[in-house]
Amino acid sequence: MTIFAVVGTANLSALDASIMAKYEGQFFKLTANHWFVFDRVTSKEVSDKLGITDATGGQGVVLNVVGYWGNTNKQLWEWLASREGVPGA
């Protein structure tokens, strides 16, 4: 399984709704336009699934997270740690 960062750039309400519907229990909303999602697919497939590719579910960028570091919301670190080492990566 892979963690992806989703950065919304336009139509954020549609993107938020798409993420909540398609990734129930498998996403973390960091800010109004930044989410993390957890899936077994590619960045393009996440974009397609959310409707970013054709802009039906909002606009933005999907990034495969291969490493991370920083200082932010404690719940984000807990969410990320809970997904490390999950089979199927």
Protein backbone atom coordinates (compact mmCIF):
# COMPACT_ATOMS: atom_id res chain seq x y z
CA MET A 1 0.00 0.00 0.00
CA THR A 2 1.15 3.52 -0.74
CA ILE A 3 0.53 6.89 0.84
CA PHE A 4 -0.29 9.71 -1.57
CA ALA A 5 -0.43 13.45 -0.94
CA VAL A 6 -3.28 15.21 -2.72
CA VAL A 7 -2.92 18.97 -3.17
CA GLY A 8 -6.11 20.64 -4.34
CA THR A 9 -5.86 23.69 -6.58
CA ALA A 10 -9.47 24.36 -7.67
CA ASN A 11 -13.02 23.21 -6.87
CA LEU A 12 -11.95 22.07 -3.41
CA SER A 13 -15.46 21.19 -2.25
CA ALA A 14 -15.81 18.65 -5.07
CA LEU A 15 -12.36 17.23 -4.34
CA ASP A 16 -13.10 16.98 -0.62
CA ALA A 17 -16.38 15.16 -1.33
CA SER A 18 -14.65 12.79 -3.75
CA ILE A 19 -11.91 11.94 -1.25
CA MET A 20 -14.44 11.33 1.53
CA ALA A 21 -16.52 9.06 -0.75
CA LYS A 22 -13.68 7.14 -2.42
CA TYR A 23 -11.31 6.86 0.55
CA GLU A 24 -13.59 6.47 3.56
CA GLY A 25 -11.38 5.53 6.51
CA GLN A 26 -8.25 5.79 4.33
CA PHE A 27 -7.59 9.53 4.22
CA PHE A 28 -6.27 12.29 6.44
CA LYS A 29 -7.23 15.91 5.80
CA LEU A 30 -4.34 18.16 6.81
CA THR A 31 -5.67 21.52 5.57
CA ALA A 32 -8.48 22.81 3.37
CA ASN A 33 -6.56 21.79 0.24
CA HIS A 34 -4.13 19.07 1.44
CA TRP A 35 -5.03 15.43 2.05
CA PHE A 36 -3.21 12.13 2.41
CA VAL A 37 -4.81 8.96 1.02
CA PHE A 38 -3.81 5.31 1.26
CA ASP A 39 -4.22 2.96 -1.73
CA ARG A 40 -2.63 0.10 -3.73
CA VAL A 41 -2.59 1.94 -7.06
CA THR A 42 -0.47 4.53 -8.92
CA SER A 43 -0.60 8.32 -8.63
CA LYS A 44 -2.45 8.48 -11.97
CA GLU A 45 -5.00 5.94 -10.78
CA VAL A 46 -5.63 7.98 -7.62
CA SER A 47 -6.09 11.06 -9.82
CA ASP A 48 -8.50 9.14 -12.08
CA LYS A 49 -10.40 7.71 -9.09
CA LEU A 50 -10.86 11.16 -7.53
CA GLY A 51 -11.86 12.84 -10.80
CA ILE A 52 -8.80 15.09 -10.87
CA THR A 53 -7.60 13.81 -14.25
CA ASP A 54 -10.75 14.99 -16.04
CA ALA A 55 -11.52 17.75 -13.47
CA THR A 56 -14.94 16.27 -12.60
CA GLY A 57 -13.89 15.88 -8.95
CA GLY A 58 -11.86 19.06 -8.59
CA GLN A 59 -8.37 19.96 -9.68
CA GLY A 60 -5.02 19.27 -8.10
CA VAL A 61 -1.88 17.18 -7.96
CA VAL A 62 -1.35 13.66 -6.59
CA LEU A 63 2.12 12.82 -5.25
CA ASN A 64 3.47 9.43 -4.15
CA VAL A 65 4.93 9.89 -0.66
CA VAL A 66 8.20 8.00 -0.31
CA GLY A 67 9.50 9.83 2.75
CA TYR A 68 8.41 12.57 5.08
CA TRP A 69 9.67 14.83 7.85
CA GLY A 70 8.46 17.98 9.51
CA ASN A 71 6.50 19.51 12.34
CA THR A 72 2.72 19.55 12.15
CA ASN A 73 -0.48 18.11 13.57
CA LYS A 74 0.26 15.13 15.87
CA GLN A 75 -2.65 13.18 14.39
CA LEU A 76 -0.96 13.24 10.97
CA TRP A 77 2.16 11.52 12.34
CA GLU A 78 -0.02 8.92 14.05
CA TRP A 79 -2.02 8.34 10.84
CA LEU A 80 1.15 7.96 8.76
CA ALA A 81 2.76 5.63 11.30
CA SER A 82 -0.35 3.43 11.40
CA ARG A 83 0.00 2.79 7.67
CA GLU A 84 3.72 2.03 7.55
CA GLY A 85 4.56 -1.58 6.87
CA VAL A 86 1.05 -2.52 5.77
CA PRO A 87 1.24 -5.59 3.46
CA GLY A 88 0.77 -5.00 -0.23
CA ALA A 89 3.11 -2.02 -0.54
